[in-house]
Amino acid sequence: MLGMNDLRIGTFFIVEGQPFEVLFSQHLKMQQRRPVMQTKIKNLITGKIVERNFQQSDYFEEADIQKKEVKFLYSHRDEFWFSETDDSSKRFKLGNDIIGEASKFLKPNTIITSLLFNSQIINIKLPVKMDFKVVEAPPSTRGNTAQGGTKQVKLETGAMVDAPLFINEGDIIRINTQTGEYAERVEKR
């Protein structure tokens, strides 16, 4: 059993029969009141993020989440097809409702981590940083760049991200998939 103080970032636990992951937690004690744990938690099945406070008297069951490596094959409409890494004939699909924002950064033949709860895949986790080819980049324009100018570029997956002005079409850039932000240029065209 997990108590209030065990709810740290990255902890998986069960609330009302649903698995949740802690995204943020902060211990809060105000004068003349009992301490509470302020949290931001993500439902691993629906993907919904909620803020919730827990008391010292609250106890939770730890969620038994297994991780398994899978390979992303392709997407068609709102279906995303995966296979096991060692046996490509064992294929399965996940819907856009499960994958959510991660769909912007899925490239064919990428090895990702799937999360299993009760032997059923409920979500996926991408590598934190991935490399993408820039397929569209508007020309850089002169102007106020005292704070470092940025422009919107289109990646090979169709995602639009902000990148520095020196990024051109054909460049390979590294993106943080958790925040969707530009990290660095890997290779210049």
Protein backbone atom coordinates (compact mmCIF):
# COMPACT_ATOMS: atom_id res chain seq x y z
CA MET A 1 0.00 0.00 0.00
CA LEU A 2 1.12 3.51 -0.82
CA GLY A 3 0.58 6.45 1.49
CA MET A 4 0.39 10.15 0.78
CA ASN A 5 4.18 10.59 1.09
CA ASP A 6 4.84 7.84 -1.50
CA LEU A 7 3.22 9.86 -4.29
CA ARG A 8 6.37 11.04 -6.05
CA ILE A 9 6.76 11.98 -9.71
CA GLY A 10 6.61 8.85 -11.88
CA THR A 11 4.77 6.70 -9.32
CA PHE A 12 1.99 4.47 -10.70
CA PHE A 13 -1.01 3.87 -8.41
CA ILE A 14 -4.69 2.97 -8.58
CA VAL A 15 -7.54 5.36 -7.73
CA GLU A 16 -11.13 4.15 -8.10
CA GLY A 17 -10.00 1.12 -10.14
CA GLN A 18 -8.06 3.18 -12.71
CA PRO A 19 -4.25 3.36 -13.06
CA PHE A 20 -2.71 6.82 -12.65
CA GLU A 21 0.79 8.26 -12.98
CA VAL A 22 1.98 11.14 -10.79
CA LEU A 23 3.19 14.05 -12.95
CA PHE A 24 3.66 16.59 -10.14
CA SER A 25 3.54 16.39 -6.35
CA GLN A 26 4.07 18.96 -3.63
CA HIS A 27 3.70 18.63 0.13
CA LEU A 28 1.61 21.48 1.52
CA LYS A 29 1.05 22.38 5.17
CA MET A 30 -0.90 25.47 6.11
CA GLN A 31 -1.31 26.85 9.61
CA GLN A 32 -3.84 25.09 11.80
CA ARG A 33 -4.59 22.50 9.08
CA ARG A 34 -3.55 18.97 8.32
CA PRO A 35 -0.86 18.54 5.66
CA VAL A 36 -1.98 17.57 2.16
CA MET A 37 -0.19 16.35 -0.93
CA GLN A 38 -1.05 18.46 -3.98
CA THR A 39 -0.70 16.37 -7.12
CA LYS A 40 -1.23 16.47 -10.85
CA ILE A 41 -2.02 12.95 -12.01
CA LYS A 42 -2.62 11.38 -15.42
CA ASN A 43 -5.14 8.64 -16.03
CA LEU A 44 -3.18 6.05 -18.04
CA ILE A 45 -6.27 4.67 -19.77
CA THR A 46 -8.07 7.88 -20.80
CA GLY A 47 -5.04 10.20 -20.85
CA LYS A 48 -6.93 12.81 -18.82
CA ILE A 49 -4.84 14.94 -16.44
CA VAL A 50 -6.41 16.07 -13.17
CA GLU A 51 -5.24 17.98 -10.13
CA ARG A 52 -6.08 16.34 -6.84
CA ASN A 53 -5.18 16.74 -3.17
CA PHE A 54 -4.64 13.74 -0.91
CA GLN A 55 -4.80 13.55 2.89
CA GLN A 56 -2.58 11.59 5.28
CA SER A 57 -5.39 9.09 5.81
CA ASP A 58 -5.49 8.18 2.08
CA TYR A 59 -3.90 4.89 1.02
CA PHE A 60 -3.56 3.47 -2.47
CA GLU A 61 -2.77 0.23 -4.18
CA GLU A 62 0.36 0.36 -6.31
CA ALA A 63 -0.46 -0.17 -10.00
CA ASP A 64 1.30 -3.16 -11.53
CA ILE A 65 2.48 -1.57 -14.79
CA GLN A 66 4.72 -3.65 -17.04
CA LYS A 67 6.84 -2.11 -19.76
CA LYS A 68 7.44 -3.80 -23.09
CA GLU A 69 9.42 -2.71 -26.15
CA VAL A 70 7.37 -2.51 -29.36
CA LYS A 71 8.00 -1.22 -32.88
CA PHE A 72 5.80 1.40 -34.54
CA LEU A 73 4.98 0.30 -38.09
CA TYR A 74 2.61 2.84 -39.67
CA SER A 75 -0.52 4.90 -39.18
CA HIS A 76 -3.68 4.93 -41.25
CA ARG A 77 -6.35 7.52 -40.43
CA ASP A 78 -6.66 7.38 -36.63
CA GLU A 79 -5.20 3.87 -36.22
CA PHE A 80 -1.58 3.31 -35.24
CA TRP A 81 -0.13 -0.14 -35.96
CA PHE A 82 2.62 -1.71 -33.86
CA SER A 83 4.38 -5.06 -33.72
CA GLU A 84 6.51 -6.89 -31.21
CA THR A 85 10.21 -6.16 -31.69
CA ASP A 86 11.23 -9.81 -32.10
CA ASP A 87 8.20 -11.01 -34.11
CA SER A 88 6.74 -8.60 -36.68
CA SER A 89 3.83 -10.97 -37.43
CA LYS A 90 2.34 -10.21 -33.99
CA ARG A 91 0.69 -6.89 -34.78
CA PHE A 92 -1.80 -4.77 -32.89
CA LYS A 93 -3.35 -1.33 -33.27
CA LEU A 94 -4.00 1.52 -30.89
CA GLY A 95 -6.38 4.41 -31.44
CA ASN A 96 -5.61 8.11 -31.43
CA ASP A 97 -7.55 8.42 -28.15
CA ILE A 98 -4.91 6.26 -26.40
CA ILE A 99 -1.81 7.71 -28.05
CA GLY A 100 -2.86 11.37 -27.96
CA GLU A 101 -0.13 14.00 -28.50
CA ALA A 102 2.58 11.35 -28.96
CA SER A 103 1.18 10.68 -32.44
CA LYS A 104 2.92 13.82 -33.73
CA PHE A 105 6.32 12.23 -33.12
CA LEU A 106 5.77 8.63 -34.26
CA LYS A 107 8.14 7.59 -37.07
CA PRO A 108 7.93 4.20 -38.82
CA ASN A 109 10.28 1.52 -37.38
CA THR A 110 10.81 3.44 -34.13
CA ILE A 111 11.25 1.29 -31.03
CA ILE A 112 9.08 2.64 -28.20
CA THR A 113 7.98 1.49 -24.75
CA SER A 114 4.41 0.32 -24.24
CA LEU A 115 2.75 0.31 -20.81
CA LEU A 116 0.69 -2.76 -19.90
CA PHE A 117 -1.95 -2.91 -17.16
CA ASN A 118 -3.74 -6.24 -16.58
CA SER A 119 -1.96 -7.64 -19.70
CA GLN A 120 -3.51 -4.95 -21.90
CA ILE A 121 -1.57 -2.13 -23.57
CA ILE A 122 -2.94 1.13 -22.19
CA ASN A 123 -0.38 3.69 -23.37
CA ILE A 124 3.02 4.27 -24.96
CA LYS A 125 6.12 6.21 -23.99
CA LEU A 126 8.38 7.71 -26.63
CA PRO A 127 12.12 8.19 -26.16
CA VAL A 128 12.69 11.60 -24.54
CA LYS A 129 14.68 12.92 -27.50
CA MET A 130 14.23 11.88 -31.13
CA ASP A 131 15.75 13.04 -34.42
CA PHE A 132 13.56 14.30 -37.26
CA LYS A 133 14.16 15.63 -40.76
CA VAL A 134 12.83 19.11 -41.51
CA VAL A 135 10.68 18.93 -44.66
CA GLU A 136 9.45 22.54 -44.73
CA ALA A 137 11.15 25.63 -43.35
CA PRO A 138 10.24 29.17 -44.36
CA PRO A 139 13.17 31.40 -45.26
CA SER A 140 14.71 33.33 -42.38
CA THR A 141 13.75 36.98 -42.17
CA ARG A 142 15.82 39.74 -40.69
CA GLY A 143 14.33 41.60 -37.79
CA ASN A 144 14.36 41.81 -34.03
CA THR A 145 16.41 38.80 -33.00
CA ALA A 146 17.80 40.18 -29.75
CA GLN A 147 16.00 37.42 -27.83
CA GLY A 148 16.78 34.77 -30.43
CA GLY A 149 14.33 34.43 -33.28
CA THR A 150 12.32 31.31 -34.02
CA LYS A 151 10.19 30.09 -36.89
CA GLN A 152 7.71 27.26 -37.41
CA VAL A 153 9.17 24.27 -39.28
CA LYS A 154 7.41 21.11 -40.44
CA LEU A 155 8.90 17.72 -39.53
CA GLU A 156 8.77 14.51 -41.55
CA THR A 157 5.88 13.31 -39.35
CA GLY A 158 3.82 16.40 -40.14
CA ALA A 159 4.31 18.01 -36.72
CA MET A 160 4.97 21.75 -36.56
CA VAL A 161 7.59 22.93 -34.04
CA ASP A 162 9.38 26.17 -33.25
CA ALA A 163 13.03 26.12 -34.31
CA PRO A 164 15.81 28.73 -34.51
CA LEU A 165 16.09 30.85 -37.65
CA PHE A 166 19.23 29.00 -38.86
CA ILE A 167 17.32 25.73 -39.38
CA ASN A 168 16.72 24.98 -43.06
CA GLU A 169 14.79 22.42 -45.07
CA GLY A 170 16.63 19.08 -45.08
CA ASP A 171 18.34 19.58 -41.69
CA ILE A 172 18.07 16.86 -39.04
CA ILE A 173 17.00 18.27 -35.67
CA ARG A 174 16.54 16.71 -32.22
CA ILE A 175 13.19 17.28 -30.52
CA ASN A 176 12.21 16.73 -26.88
CA THR A 177 9.09 14.57 -27.32
CA GLN A 178 7.76 15.32 -23.84
CA THR A 179 7.61 19.09 -24.36
CA GLY A 180 7.55 19.23 -28.18
CA GLU A 181 10.43 21.71 -28.16
CA TYR A 182 13.54 22.00 -30.32
CA ALA A 183 16.67 20.69 -28.56
CA GLU A 184 19.52 20.89 -31.08
CA ARG A 185 20.56 20.51 -34.71
CA VAL A 186 22.09 17.10 -35.35
CA GLU A 187 23.06 17.29 -38.98
CA LYS A 188 23.19 20.14 -41.47
CA ARG A 189 22.00 19.53 -45.01
